[in-house]
Amino acid sequence: MKFNLFNLQIFRKEPFFYGHDNQDQPISIAKVLGTDELNAYLNTYNLELDPQLDAIVRRHSRKLWLRFINSDNQYLGCPEAIDFLDKLLRYDHRDRLTAKEALPHPYFFLLPGQRCRK
């Protein structure tokens, strides 16, 4: 995913979607974004998972972003940052913010001294 840098900035976790190889990477993503959402995306575009991958992905529920907040990163995970991340990390490109939509997001209008301070 292209937003590992932003994930790192908020959650201080690098890489956020860690996969050992090309087969493992989609599993790592599905464990966070959920398999119901993955299946909806596949159905929308009439796509099928590779049978080997389908056999190992299993079923995962979408994780709440707050689950990744801990004492080491809580000062970075303000509501504006979490909302922005949530709107970027989507399977379906039509559901993701475009650059034009992202630029006016409230996260970018926090003053540096206010940025995600709790």
PDB file of N, CA and C in Angstrom:
ATOM      1  N   MET A   1       0.829  -1.174   0.000  1.00  0.00           N
ATOM      2  CA  MET A   1       0.000   0.000   0.000  1.00  0.00           C
ATOM      3  C   MET A   1       0.879   1.244   0.000  1.00  0.00           C
ATOM      4  N   LYS A   2       0.392   2.290  -0.573  1.00  0.00           N
ATOM      5  CA  LYS A   2       1.170   3.513  -0.708  1.00  0.00           C
ATOM      6  C   LYS A   2       1.181   4.357   0.559  1.00  0.00           C
ATOM      7  N   PHE A   3       0.400   4.012   1.551  1.00  0.00           N
ATOM      8  CA  PHE A   3       0.260   4.893   2.698  1.00  0.00           C
ATOM      9  C   PHE A   3       0.998   4.378   3.917  1.00  0.00           C
ATOM     10  N   ASN A   4       2.022   3.510   3.708  1.00  0.00           N
ATOM     11  CA  ASN A   4       2.791   3.032   4.838  1.00  0.00           C
ATOM     12  C   ASN A   4       3.490   4.165   5.563  1.00  0.00           C
ATOM     13  N   LEU A   5       3.903   5.208   4.855  1.00  0.00           N
ATOM     14  CA  LEU A   5       4.559   6.341   5.499  1.00  0.00           C
ATOM     15  C   LEU A   5       3.596   7.047   6.445  1.00  0.00           C
ATOM     16  N   PHE A   6       2.370   7.239   6.015  1.00  0.00           N
ATOM     17  CA  PHE A   6       1.377   7.871   6.890  1.00  0.00           C
ATOM     18  C   PHE A   6       1.057   6.955   8.068  1.00  0.00           C
ATOM     19  N   ASN A   7       0.943   5.649   7.811  1.00  0.00           N
ATOM     20  CA  ASN A   7       0.709   4.684   8.888  1.00  0.00           C
ATOM     21  C   ASN A   7       1.843   4.749   9.892  1.00  0.00           C
ATOM     22  N   LEU A   8       3.069   4.838   9.378  1.00  0.00           N
ATOM     23  CA  LEU A   8       4.230   4.930  10.253  1.00  0.00           C
ATOM     24  C   LEU A   8       4.148   6.196  11.092  1.00  0.00           C
ATOM     25  N   GLN A   9       3.731   7.287  10.492  1.00  0.00           N
ATOM     26  CA  GLN A   9       3.632   8.557  11.204  1.00  0.00           C
ATOM     27  C   GLN A   9       2.603   8.470  12.330  1.00  0.00           C
ATOM     28  N   ILE A  10       1.502   7.798  12.100  1.00  0.00           N
ATOM     29  CA  ILE A  10       0.455   7.712  13.122  1.00  0.00           C
ATOM     30  C   ILE A  10       0.732   6.589  14.121  1.00  0.00           C
ATOM     31  N   PHE A  11       1.000   5.400  13.627  1.00  0.00           N
ATOM     32  CA  PHE A  11       1.093   4.235  14.501  1.00  0.00           C
ATOM     33  C   PHE A  11       2.519   3.868  14.891  1.00  0.00           C
ATOM     34  N   ARG A  12       3.507   4.515  14.268  1.00  0.00           N
ATOM     35  CA  ARG A  12       4.918   4.227  14.524  1.00  0.00           C
ATOM     36  C   ARG A  12       5.187   2.729  14.327  1.00  0.00           C
ATOM     37  N   LYS A  13       4.659   2.191  13.262  1.00  0.00           N
ATOM     38  CA  LYS A  13       4.782   0.765  12.935  1.00  0.00           C
ATOM     39  C   LYS A  13       5.220   0.661  11.485  1.00  0.00           C
ATOM     40  N   GLU A  14       6.381   0.088  11.250  1.00  0.00           N
ATOM     41  CA  GLU A  14       6.898  -0.013   9.886  1.00  0.00           C
ATOM     42  C   GLU A  14       7.306  -1.448   9.593  1.00  0.00           C
ATOM     43  N   PRO A  15       6.895  -2.043   8.517  1.00  0.00           N
ATOM     44  CA  PRO A  15       5.784  -1.585   7.683  1.00  0.00           C
ATOM     45  C   PRO A  15       4.460  -1.938   8.349  1.00  0.00           C
ATOM     46  N   PHE A  16       3.431  -1.215   8.013  1.00  0.00           N
ATOM     47  CA  PHE A  16       2.125  -1.453   8.620  1.00  0.00           C
ATOM     48  C   PHE A  16       1.526  -2.755   8.103  1.00  0.00           C
ATOM     49  N   PHE A  17       1.589  -2.963   6.803  1.00  0.00           N
ATOM     50  CA  PHE A  17       1.111  -4.206   6.188  1.00  0.00           C
ATOM     51  C   PHE A  17       2.336  -5.039   5.837  1.00  0.00           C
ATOM     52  N   TYR A  18       2.784  -5.859   6.772  1.00  0.00           N
ATOM     53  CA  TYR A  18       3.987  -6.642   6.541  1.00  0.00           C
ATOM     54  C   TYR A  18       3.631  -7.985   5.930  1.00  0.00           C
ATOM     55  N   GLY A  19       4.210  -8.270   4.769  1.00  0.00           N
ATOM     56  CA  GLY A  19       4.046  -9.562   4.122  1.00  0.00           C
ATOM     57  C   GLY A  19       5.407 -10.120   3.753  1.00  0.00           C
ATOM     58  N   HIS A  20       5.572 -11.413   3.912  1.00  0.00           N
ATOM     59  CA  HIS A  20       6.849 -12.048   3.587  1.00  0.00           C
ATOM     60  C   HIS A  20       7.092 -12.094   2.086  1.00  0.00           C
ATOM     61  N   ASP A  21       6.007 -12.185   1.320  1.00  0.00           N
ATOM     62  CA  ASP A  21       6.126 -12.291  -0.134  1.00  0.00           C
ATOM     63  C   ASP A  21       4.803 -11.846  -0.761  1.00  0.00           C
ATOM     64  N   ASN A  22       4.683 -11.996  -2.068  1.00  0.00           N
ATOM     65  CA  ASN A  22       3.472 -11.550  -2.770  1.00  0.00           C
ATOM     66  C   ASN A  22       2.228 -12.341  -2.375  1.00  0.00           C
ATOM     67  N   GLN A  23       2.401 -13.561  -1.907  1.00  0.00           N
ATOM     68  CA  GLN A  23       1.258 -14.355  -1.451  1.00  0.00           C
ATOM     69  C   GLN A  23       0.823 -13.916  -0.055  1.00  0.00           C
ATOM     70  N   ASP A  24       1.797 -13.550   0.769  1.00  0.00           N
ATOM     71  CA  ASP A  24       1.513 -13.192   2.152  1.00  0.00           C
ATOM     72  C   ASP A  24       1.002 -11.756   2.294  1.00  0.00           C
ATOM     73  N   GLN A  25       1.392 -10.884   1.389  1.00  0.00           N
ATOM     74  CA  GLN A  25       1.021  -9.468   1.481  1.00  0.00           C
ATOM     75  C   GLN A  25      -0.496  -9.245   1.489  1.00  0.00           C
ATOM     76  N   PRO A  26      -1.252  -9.854   0.573  1.00  0.00           N
ATOM     77  CA  PRO A  26      -2.715  -9.646   0.614  1.00  0.00           C
ATOM     78  C   PRO A  26      -3.353 -10.163   1.902  1.00  0.00           C
ATOM     79  N   ILE A  27      -2.772 -11.196   2.499  1.00  0.00           N
ATOM     80  CA  ILE A  27      -3.290 -11.723   3.761  1.00  0.00           C
ATOM     81  C   ILE A  27      -3.097 -10.688   4.863  1.00  0.00           C
ATOM     82  N   SER A  28      -1.922 -10.076   4.873  1.00  0.00           N
ATOM     83  CA  SER A  28      -1.632  -9.033   5.853  1.00  0.00           C
ATOM     84  C   SER A  28      -2.629  -7.877   5.735  1.00  0.00           C
ATOM     85  N   ILE A  29      -2.943  -7.495   4.526  1.00  0.00           N
ATOM     86  CA  ILE A  29      -3.904  -6.411   4.292  1.00  0.00           C
ATOM     87  C   ILE A  29      -5.310  -6.845   4.713  1.00  0.00           C
ATOM     88  N   ALA A  30      -5.697  -8.073   4.360  1.00  0.00           N
ATOM     89  CA  ALA A  30      -7.037  -8.574   4.700  1.00  0.00           C
ATOM     90  C   ALA A  30      -7.230  -8.689   6.206  1.00  0.00           C
ATOM     91  N   LYS A  31      -6.164  -8.968   6.945  1.00  0.00           N
ATOM     92  CA  LYS A  31      -6.272  -9.062   8.403  1.00  0.00           C
ATOM     93  C   LYS A  31      -6.626  -7.718   9.033  1.00  0.00           C
ATOM     94  N   VAL A  32      -6.328  -6.636   8.350  1.00  0.00           N
ATOM     95  CA  VAL A  32      -6.642  -5.301   8.871  1.00  0.00           C
ATOM     96  C   VAL A  32      -7.916  -4.746   8.238  1.00  0.00           C
ATOM     97  N   LEU A  33      -8.004  -4.800   6.915  1.00  0.00           N
ATOM     98  CA  LEU A  33      -9.147  -4.199   6.217  1.00  0.00           C
ATOM     99  C   LEU A  33     -10.371  -5.113   6.166  1.00  0.00           C
ATOM    100  N   GLY A  34     -10.194  -6.396   6.461  1.00  0.00           N
ATOM    101  CA  GLY A  34     -11.316  -7.328   6.529  1.00  0.00           C
ATOM    102  C   GLY A  34     -11.597  -8.061   5.234  1.00  0.00           C
ATOM    103  N   THR A  35     -12.075  -9.283   5.365  1.00  0.00           N
ATOM    104  CA  THR A  35     -12.372 -10.091   4.184  1.00  0.00           C
ATOM    105  C   THR A  35     -13.765  -9.813   3.624  1.00  0.00           C
ATOM    106  N   ASP A  36     -14.699  -9.368   4.452  1.00  0.00           N
ATOM    107  CA  ASP A  36     -16.014  -9.001   3.904  1.00  0.00           C
ATOM    108  C   ASP A  36     -15.854  -7.860   2.909  1.00  0.00           C
ATOM    109  N   GLU A  37     -15.023  -6.880   3.279  1.00  0.00           N
ATOM    110  CA  GLU A  37     -14.757  -5.745   2.403  1.00  0.00           C
ATOM    111  C   GLU A  37     -14.006  -6.185   1.149  1.00  0.00           C
ATOM    112  N   LEU A  38     -13.077  -7.127   1.317  1.00  0.00           N
ATOM    113  CA  LEU A  38     -12.339  -7.659   0.167  1.00  0.00           C
ATOM    114  C   LEU A  38     -13.295  -8.360  -0.788  1.00  0.00           C
ATOM    115  N   ASN A  39     -14.174  -9.195  -0.243  1.00  0.00           N
ATOM    116  CA  ASN A  39     -15.125  -9.915  -1.093  1.00  0.00           C
ATOM    117  C   ASN A  39     -16.093  -8.963  -1.789  1.00  0.00           C
ATOM    118  N   ALA A  40     -16.510  -7.914  -1.107  1.00  0.00           N
ATOM    119  CA  ALA A  40     -17.382  -6.915  -1.739  1.00  0.00           C
ATOM    120  C   ALA A  40     -16.658  -6.251  -2.908  1.00  0.00           C
ATOM    121  N   TYR A  41     -15.387  -5.933  -2.717  1.00  0.00           N
ATOM    122  CA  TYR A  41     -14.577  -5.334  -3.784  1.00  0.00           C
ATOM    123  C   TYR A  41     -14.461  -6.295  -4.975  1.00  0.00           C
ATOM    124  N   LEU A  42     -14.152  -7.553  -4.683  1.00  0.00           N
ATOM    125  CA  LEU A  42     -14.020  -8.550  -5.750  1.00  0.00           C
ATOM    126  C   LEU A  42     -15.336  -8.702  -6.507  1.00  0.00           C
ATOM    127  N   ASN A  43     -16.444  -8.744  -5.785  1.00  0.00           N
ATOM    128  CA  ASN A  43     -17.755  -8.880  -6.426  1.00  0.00           C
ATOM    129  C   ASN A  43     -18.109  -7.662  -7.269  1.00  0.00           C
ATOM    130  N   THR A  44     -17.776  -6.477  -6.779  1.00  0.00           N
ATOM    131  CA  THR A  44     -18.074  -5.242  -7.511  1.00  0.00           C
ATOM    132  C   THR A  44     -17.443  -5.255  -8.895  1.00  0.00           C
ATOM    133  N   TYR A  45     -16.208  -5.749  -8.971  1.00  0.00           N
ATOM    134  CA  TYR A  45     -15.470  -5.724 -10.233  1.00  0.00           C
ATOM    135  C   TYR A  45     -15.396  -7.094 -10.909  1.00  0.00           C
ATOM    136  N   ASN A  46     -16.218  -8.035 -10.404  1.00  0.00           N
ATOM    137  CA  ASN A  46     -16.266  -9.375 -10.979  1.00  0.00           C
ATOM    138  C   ASN A  46     -14.866  -9.994 -11.058  1.00  0.00           C
ATOM    139  N   LEU A  47     -14.146  -9.923  -9.935  1.00  0.00           N
ATOM    140  CA  LEU A  47     -12.791 -10.467  -9.840  1.00  0.00           C
ATOM    141  C   LEU A  47     -12.801 -11.707  -8.967  1.00  0.00           C
ATOM    142  N   GLU A  48     -11.781 -12.532  -9.138  1.00  0.00           N
ATOM    143  CA  GLU A  48     -11.629 -13.720  -8.302  1.00  0.00           C
ATOM    144  C   GLU A  48     -10.221 -13.760  -7.752  1.00  0.00           C
ATOM    145  N   LEU A  49     -10.108 -14.210  -6.495  1.00  0.00           N
ATOM    146  CA  LEU A  49      -8.786 -14.427  -5.921  1.00  0.00           C
ATOM    147  C   LEU A  49      -8.168 -15.664  -6.542  1.00  0.00           C
ATOM    148  N   ASP A  50      -6.864 -15.666  -6.634  1.00  0.00           N
ATOM    149  CA  ASP A  50      -6.151 -16.872  -7.037  1.00  0.00           C
ATOM    150  C   ASP A  50      -6.583 -17.988  -6.080  1.00  0.00           C
ATOM    151  N   PRO A  51      -6.912 -19.190  -6.579  1.00  0.00           N
ATOM    152  CA  PRO A  51      -7.402 -20.266  -5.708  1.00  0.00           C
ATOM    153  C   PRO A  51      -6.475 -20.576  -4.530  1.00  0.00           C
ATOM    154  N   GLN A  52      -5.163 -20.525  -4.747  1.00  0.00           N
ATOM    155  CA  GLN A  52      -4.229 -20.777  -3.640  1.00  0.00           C
ATOM    156  C   GLN A  52      -4.358 -19.696  -2.573  1.00  0.00           C
ATOM    157  N   LEU A  53      -4.469 -18.460  -3.010  1.00  0.00           N
ATOM    158  CA  LEU A  53      -4.605 -17.351  -2.071  1.00  0.00           C
ATOM    159  C   LEU A  53      -5.952 -17.416  -1.365  1.00  0.00           C
ATOM    160  N   ASP A  54      -6.987 -17.740  -2.094  1.00  0.00           N
ATOM    161  CA  ASP A  54      -8.322 -17.851  -1.522  1.00  0.00           C
ATOM    162  C   ASP A  54      -8.344 -18.888  -0.405  1.00  0.00           C
ATOM    163  N   ALA A  55      -7.587 -19.963  -0.577  1.00  0.00           N
ATOM    164  CA  ALA A  55      -7.554 -21.037   0.412  1.00  0.00           C
ATOM    165  C   ALA A  55      -6.864 -20.614   1.710  1.00  0.00           C
ATOM    166  N   ILE A  56      -5.948 -19.653   1.640  1.00  0.00           N
ATOM    167  CA  ILE A  56      -5.200 -19.289   2.846  1.00  0.00           C
ATOM    168  C   ILE A  56      -5.608 -17.952   3.474  1.00  0.00           C
ATOM    169  N   VAL A  57      -6.401 -17.155   2.772  1.00  0.00           N
ATOM    170  CA  VAL A  57      -6.797 -15.853   3.323  1.00  0.00           C
ATOM    171  C   VAL A  57      -7.683 -16.018   4.551  1.00  0.00           C
ATOM    172  N   ARG A  58      -8.555 -16.980   4.559  1.00  0.00           N
ATOM    173  CA  ARG A  58      -9.520 -17.230   5.624  1.00  0.00           C
ATOM    174  C   ARG A  58     -10.478 -16.060   5.782  1.00  0.00           C
ATOM    175  N   ARG A  59     -11.045 -15.919   6.980  1.00  0.00           N
ATOM    176  CA  ARG A  59     -12.021 -14.852   7.238  1.00  0.00           C
ATOM    177  C   ARG A  59     -11.480 -13.949   8.346  1.00  0.00           C
ATOM    178  N   HIS A  60     -11.487 -12.661   8.073  1.00  0.00           N
ATOM    179  CA  HIS A  60     -11.003 -11.684   9.052  1.00  0.00           C
ATOM    180  C   HIS A  60     -11.972 -10.510   9.102  1.00  0.00           C
ATOM    181  N   SER A  61     -12.220 -10.025  10.299  1.00  0.00           N
ATOM    182  CA  SER A  61     -13.065  -8.840  10.438  1.00  0.00           C
ATOM    183  C   SER A  61     -12.198  -7.589  10.294  1.00  0.00           C
ATOM    184  N   ARG A  62     -12.822  -6.511   9.865  1.00  0.00           N
ATOM    185  CA  ARG A  62     -12.118  -5.234   9.738  1.00  0.00           C
ATOM    186  C   ARG A  62     -11.725  -4.759  11.133  1.00  0.00           C
ATOM    187  N   LYS A  63     -10.482  -4.369  11.296  1.00  0.00           N
ATOM    188  CA  LYS A  63      -9.992  -3.897  12.587  1.00  0.00           C
ATOM    189  C   LYS A  63     -10.273  -2.404  12.737  1.00  0.00           C
ATOM    190  N   LEU A  64     -10.628  -2.015  13.919  1.00  0.00           N
ATOM    191  CA  LEU A  64     -10.800  -0.598  14.225  1.00  0.00           C
ATOM    192  C   LEU A  64      -9.418   0.036  14.321  1.00  0.00           C
ATOM    193  N   TRP A  65      -9.263   1.225  13.751  1.00  0.00           N
ATOM    194  CA  TRP A  65      -7.953   1.886  13.762  1.00  0.00           C
ATOM    195  C   TRP A  65      -7.492   2.170  15.181  1.00  0.00           C
ATOM    196  N   LEU A  66      -8.413   2.409  16.093  1.00  0.00           N
ATOM    197  CA  LEU A  66      -8.030   2.691  17.474  1.00  0.00           C
ATOM    198  C   LEU A  66      -7.321   1.510  18.124  1.00  0.00           C
ATOM    199  N   ARG A  67      -7.498   0.336  17.558  1.00  0.00           N
ATOM    200  CA  ARG A  67      -6.822  -0.858  18.073  1.00  0.00           C
ATOM    201  C   ARG A  67      -5.302  -0.738  17.939  1.00  0.00           C
ATOM    202  N   PHE A  68      -4.852   0.070  17.005  1.00  0.00           N
ATOM    203  CA  PHE A  68      -3.420   0.212  16.759  1.00  0.00           C
ATOM    204  C   PHE A  68      -2.793   1.345  17.574  1.00  0.00           C
ATOM    205  N   ILE A  69      -3.621   2.045  18.333  1.00  0.00           N
ATOM    206  CA  ILE A  69      -3.118   3.126  19.176  1.00  0.00           C
ATOM    207  C   ILE A  69      -2.657   2.530  20.507  1.00  0.00           C
ATOM    208  N   ASN A  70      -1.467   2.917  20.930  1.00  0.00           N
ATOM    209  CA  ASN A  70      -0.933   2.467  22.213  1.00  0.00           C
ATOM    210  C   ASN A  70      -0.238   3.641  22.900  1.00  0.00           C
ATOM    211  N   SER A  71       0.377   3.379  24.038  1.00  0.00           N
ATOM    212  CA  SER A  71       0.996   4.471  24.798  1.00  0.00           C
ATOM    213  C   SER A  71       2.149   5.131  24.047  1.00  0.00           C
ATOM    214  N   ASP A  72       2.791   4.413  23.140  1.00  0.00           N
ATOM    215  CA  ASP A  72       3.908   4.979  22.377  1.00  0.00           C
ATOM    216  C   ASP A  72       3.461   5.896  21.243  1.00  0.00           C
ATOM    217  N   ASN A  73       2.239   5.719  20.752  1.00  0.00           N
ATOM    218  CA  ASN A  73       1.817   6.506  19.586  1.00  0.00           C
ATOM    219  C   ASN A  73       0.518   7.289  19.805  1.00  0.00           C
ATOM    220  N   GLN A  74      -0.015   7.267  21.007  1.00  0.00           N
ATOM    221  CA  GLN A  74      -1.323   7.898  21.228  1.00  0.00           C
ATOM    222  C   GLN A  74      -1.323   9.390  20.932  1.00  0.00           C
ATOM    223  N   TYR A  75      -0.185  10.046  21.068  1.00  0.00           N
ATOM    224  CA  TYR A  75      -0.131  11.483  20.779  1.00  0.00           C
ATOM    225  C   TYR A  75      -0.188  11.765  19.282  1.00  0.00           C
ATOM    226  N   LEU A  76      -0.038  10.741  18.457  1.00  0.00           N
ATOM    227  CA  LEU A  76      -0.095  10.904  17.001  1.00  0.00           C
ATOM    228  C   LEU A  76      -1.452  10.524  16.416  1.00  0.00           C
ATOM    229  N   GLY A  77      -2.230   9.775  17.160  1.00  0.00           N
ATOM    230  CA  GLY A  77      -3.476   9.228  16.618  1.00  0.00           C
ATOM    231  C   GLY A  77      -4.703  10.052  16.925  1.00  0.00           C
ATOM    232  N   CYS A  78      -4.671  11.325  16.592  1.00  0.00           N
ATOM    233  CA  CYS A  78      -5.832  12.181  16.828  1.00  0.00           C
ATOM    234  C   CYS A  78      -6.978  11.775  15.890  1.00  0.00           C
ATOM    235  N   PRO A  79      -8.193  12.161  16.212  1.00  0.00           N
ATOM    236  CA  PRO A  79      -9.341  11.785  15.376  1.00  0.00           C
ATOM    237  C   PRO A  79      -9.193  12.194  13.913  1.00  0.00           C
ATOM    238  N   GLU A  80      -8.606  13.366  13.653  1.00  0.00           N
ATOM    239  CA  GLU A  80      -8.438  13.817  12.269  1.00  0.00           C
ATOM    240  C   GLU A  80      -7.501  12.891  11.496  1.00  0.00           C
ATOM    241  N   ALA A  81      -6.429  12.450  12.135  1.00  0.00           N
ATOM    242  CA  ALA A  81      -5.477  11.548  11.478  1.00  0.00           C
ATOM    243  C   ALA A  81      -6.112  10.188  11.210  1.00  0.00           C
ATOM    244  N   ILE A  82      -6.837   9.672  12.193  1.00  0.00           N
ATOM    245  CA  ILE A  82      -7.497   8.370  12.034  1.00  0.00           C
ATOM    246  C   ILE A  82      -8.544   8.437  10.928  1.00  0.00           C
ATOM    247  N   ASP A  83      -9.318   9.506  10.891  1.00  0.00           N
ATOM    248  CA  ASP A  83     -10.332   9.674   9.845  1.00  0.00           C
ATOM    249  C   ASP A  83      -9.682   9.745   8.466  1.00  0.00           C
ATOM    250  N   PHE A  84      -8.596  10.487   8.364  1.00  0.00           N
ATOM    251  CA  PHE A  84      -7.885  10.615   7.091  1.00  0.00           C
ATOM    252  C   PHE A  84      -7.360   9.257   6.630  1.00  0.00           C
ATOM    253  N   LEU A  85      -6.720   8.537   7.535  1.00  0.00           N
ATOM    254  CA  LEU A  85      -6.198   7.213   7.211  1.00  0.00           C
ATOM    255  C   LEU A  85      -7.321   6.283   6.767  1.00  0.00           C
ATOM    256  N   ASP A  86      -8.431   6.308   7.484  1.00  0.00           N
ATOM    257  CA  ASP A  86      -9.562   5.444   7.153  1.00  0.00           C
ATOM    258  C   ASP A  86     -10.094   5.717   5.750  1.00  0.00           C
ATOM    259  N   LYS A  87     -10.075   6.973   5.346  1.00  0.00           N
ATOM    260  CA  LYS A  87     -10.586   7.332   4.022  1.00  0.00           C
ATOM    261  C   LYS A  87      -9.594   7.037   2.901  1.00  0.00           C
ATOM    262  N   LEU A  88      -8.344   6.747   3.265  1.00  0.00           N
ATOM    263  CA  LEU A  88      -7.336   6.392   2.267  1.00  0.00           C
ATOM    264  C   LEU A  88      -7.197   4.885   2.088  1.00  0.00           C
ATOM    265  N   LEU A  89      -7.296   4.163   3.185  1.00  0.00           N
ATOM    266  CA  LEU A  89      -7.054   2.723   3.127  1.00  0.00           C
ATOM    267  C   LEU A  89      -8.351   1.971   2.871  1.00  0.00           C
ATOM    268  N   ARG A  90      -8.668   1.866   1.629  1.00  0.00           N
ATOM    269  CA  ARG A  90      -9.868   1.167   1.146  1.00  0.00           C
ATOM    270  C   ARG A  90      -9.459   0.264  -0.004  1.00  0.00           C
ATOM    271  N   TYR A  91     -10.097  -0.877  -0.114  1.00  0.00           N
ATOM    272  CA  TYR A  91      -9.820  -1.751  -1.252  1.00  0.00           C
ATOM    273  C   TYR A  91     -10.199  -1.076  -2.568  1.00  0.00           C
ATOM    274  N   ASP A  92     -11.386  -0.522  -2.598  1.00  0.00           N
ATOM    275  CA  ASP A  92     -11.928   0.027  -3.843  1.00  0.00           C
ATOM    276  C   ASP A  92     -11.415   1.444  -4.068  1.00  0.00           C
ATOM    277  N   HIS A  93     -10.740   1.631  -5.167  1.00  0.00           N
ATOM    278  CA  HIS A  93     -10.173   2.942  -5.492  1.00  0.00           C
ATOM    279  C   HIS A  93     -11.252   4.021  -5.588  1.00  0.00           C
ATOM    280  N   ARG A  94     -12.470   3.632  -5.921  1.00  0.00           N
ATOM    281  CA  ARG A  94     -13.549   4.626  -6.022  1.00  0.00           C
ATOM    282  C   ARG A  94     -13.999   5.124  -4.651  1.00  0.00           C
ATOM    283  N   ASP A  95     -13.706   4.357  -3.619  1.00  0.00           N
ATOM    284  CA  ASP A  95     -14.074   4.748  -2.256  1.00  0.00           C
ATOM    285  C   ASP A  95     -12.969   5.540  -1.555  1.00  0.00           C
ATOM    286  N   ARG A  96     -11.747   5.507  -2.095  1.00  0.00           N
ATOM    287  CA  ARG A  96     -10.621   6.234  -1.496  1.00  0.00           C
ATOM    288  C   ARG A  96     -10.694   7.708  -1.840  1.00  0.00           C
ATOM    289  N   LEU A  97     -10.140   8.520  -0.954  1.00  0.00           N
ATOM    290  CA  LEU A  97     -10.014   9.935  -1.269  1.00  0.00           C
ATOM    291  C   LEU A  97      -9.064  10.116  -2.447  1.00  0.00           C
ATOM    292  N   THR A  98      -9.408  10.999  -3.334  1.00  0.00           N
ATOM    293  CA  THR A  98      -8.469  11.405  -4.378  1.00  0.00           C
ATOM    294  C   THR A  98      -7.559  12.464  -3.763  1.00  0.00           C
ATOM    295  N   ALA A  99      -6.505  12.824  -4.459  1.00  0.00           N
ATOM    296  CA  ALA A  99      -5.617  13.879  -3.966  1.00  0.00           C
ATOM    297  C   ALA A  99      -6.394  15.177  -3.778  1.00  0.00           C
ATOM    298  N   LYS A 100      -7.258  15.483  -4.718  1.00  0.00           N
ATOM    299  CA  LYS A 100      -8.049  16.714  -4.642  1.00  0.00           C
ATOM    300  C   LYS A 100      -8.983  16.688  -3.432  1.00  0.00           C
ATOM    301  N   GLU A 101      -9.541  15.534  -3.126  1.00  0.00           N
ATOM    302  CA  GLU A 101     -10.425  15.400  -1.973  1.00  0.00           C
ATOM    303  C   GLU A 101      -9.639  15.387  -0.661  1.00  0.00           C
ATOM    304  N   ALA A 102      -8.414  14.862  -0.720  1.00  0.00           N
ATOM    305  CA  ALA A 102      -7.602  14.729   0.489  1.00  0.00           C
ATOM    306  C   ALA A 102      -7.047  16.062   0.977  1.00  0.00           C
ATOM    307  N   LEU A 103      -6.673  16.926   0.060  1.00  0.00           N
ATOM    308  CA  LEU A 103      -6.019  18.176   0.454  1.00  0.00           C
ATOM    309  C   LEU A 103      -6.829  19.049   1.406  1.00  0.00           C
ATOM    310  N   PRO A 104      -8.147  19.161   1.258  1.00  0.00           N
ATOM    311  CA  PRO A 104      -8.892  19.980   2.216  1.00  0.00           C
ATOM    312  C   PRO A 104      -9.298  19.234   3.501  1.00  0.00           C
ATOM    313  N   HIS A 105      -8.783  18.014   3.701  1.00  0.00           N
ATOM    314  CA  HIS A 105      -9.150  17.256   4.894  1.00  0.00           C
ATOM    315  C   HIS A 105      -8.707  18.013   6.154  1.00  0.00           C
ATOM    316  N   PRO A 106      -9.518  17.983   7.207  1.00  0.00           N
ATOM    317  CA  PRO A 106      -9.197  18.711   8.445  1.00  0.00           C
ATOM    318  C   PRO A 106      -7.823  18.377   9.039  1.00  0.00           C
ATOM    319  N   TYR A 107      -7.316  17.168   8.794  1.00  0.00           N
ATOM    320  CA  TYR A 107      -5.994  16.807   9.324  1.00  0.00           C
ATOM    321  C   TYR A 107      -4.927  17.810   8.901  1.00  0.00           C
ATOM    322  N   PHE A 108      -5.015  18.312   7.695  1.00  0.00           N
ATOM    323  CA  PHE A 108      -4.001  19.226   7.183  1.00  0.00           C
ATOM    324  C   PHE A 108      -4.161  20.651   7.703  1.00  0.00           C
ATOM    325  N   PHE A 109      -5.248  20.915   8.400  1.00  0.00           N
ATOM    326  CA  PHE A 109      -5.483  22.265   8.895  1.00  0.00           C
ATOM    327  C   PHE A 109      -5.241  22.401  10.395  1.00  0.00           C
ATOM    328  N   LEU A 110      -4.736  21.327  11.005  1.00  0.00           N
ATOM    329  CA  LEU A 110      -4.328  21.426  12.401  1.00  0.00           C
ATOM    330  C   LEU A 110      -3.038  22.233  12.449  1.00  0.00           C
ATOM    331  N   LEU A 111      -2.936  23.120  13.384  1.00  0.00           N
ATOM    332  CA  LEU A 111      -1.707  23.887  13.536  1.00  0.00           C
ATOM    333  C   LEU A 111      -0.608  22.968  14.059  1.00  0.00           C
ATOM    334  N   PRO A 112       0.657  23.206  13.686  1.00  0.00           N
ATOM    335  CA  PRO A 112       1.739  22.311  14.119  1.00  0.00           C
ATOM    336  C   PRO A 112       1.753  22.051  15.625  1.00  0.00           C
ATOM    337  N   GLY A 113       1.499  23.060  16.429  1.00  0.00           N
ATOM    338  CA  GLY A 113       1.468  22.865  17.874  1.00  0.00           C
ATOM    339  C   GLY A 113       0.264  22.080  18.355  1.00  0.00           C
ATOM    340  N   GLN A 114      -0.767  22.001  17.523  1.00  0.00           N
ATOM    341  CA  GLN A 114      -1.992  21.282  17.877  1.00  0.00           C
ATOM    342  C   GLN A 114      -2.036  19.895  17.260  1.00  0.00           C
ATOM    343  N   ARG A 115      -1.166  19.629  16.336  1.00  0.00           N
ATOM    344  CA  ARG A 115      -1.255  18.403  15.560  1.00  0.00           C
ATOM    345  C   ARG A 115      -1.276  17.169  16.444  1.00  0.00           C
ATOM    346  N   CYS A 116      -2.413  16.601  16.551  1.00  0.00           N
ATOM    347  CA  CYS A 116      -2.620  15.313  17.219  1.00  0.00           C
ATOM    348  C   CYS A 116      -2.085  15.271  18.636  1.00  0.00           C
ATOM    349  N   ARG A 117      -2.193  16.336  19.359  1.00  0.00           N
ATOM    350  CA  ARG A 117      -1.794  16.326  20.772  1.00  0.00           C
ATOM    351  C   ARG A 117      -3.016  15.960  21.603  1.00  0.00           C
ATOM    352  N   LYS A 118      -2.821  15.081  22.528  1.00  0.00           N
ATOM    353  CA  LYS A 118      -3.932  14.663  23.390  1.00  0.00           C
ATOM    354  C   LYS A 118      -3.717  15.195  24.782  1.00  0.00           C
TER     355      LYS A 118
END
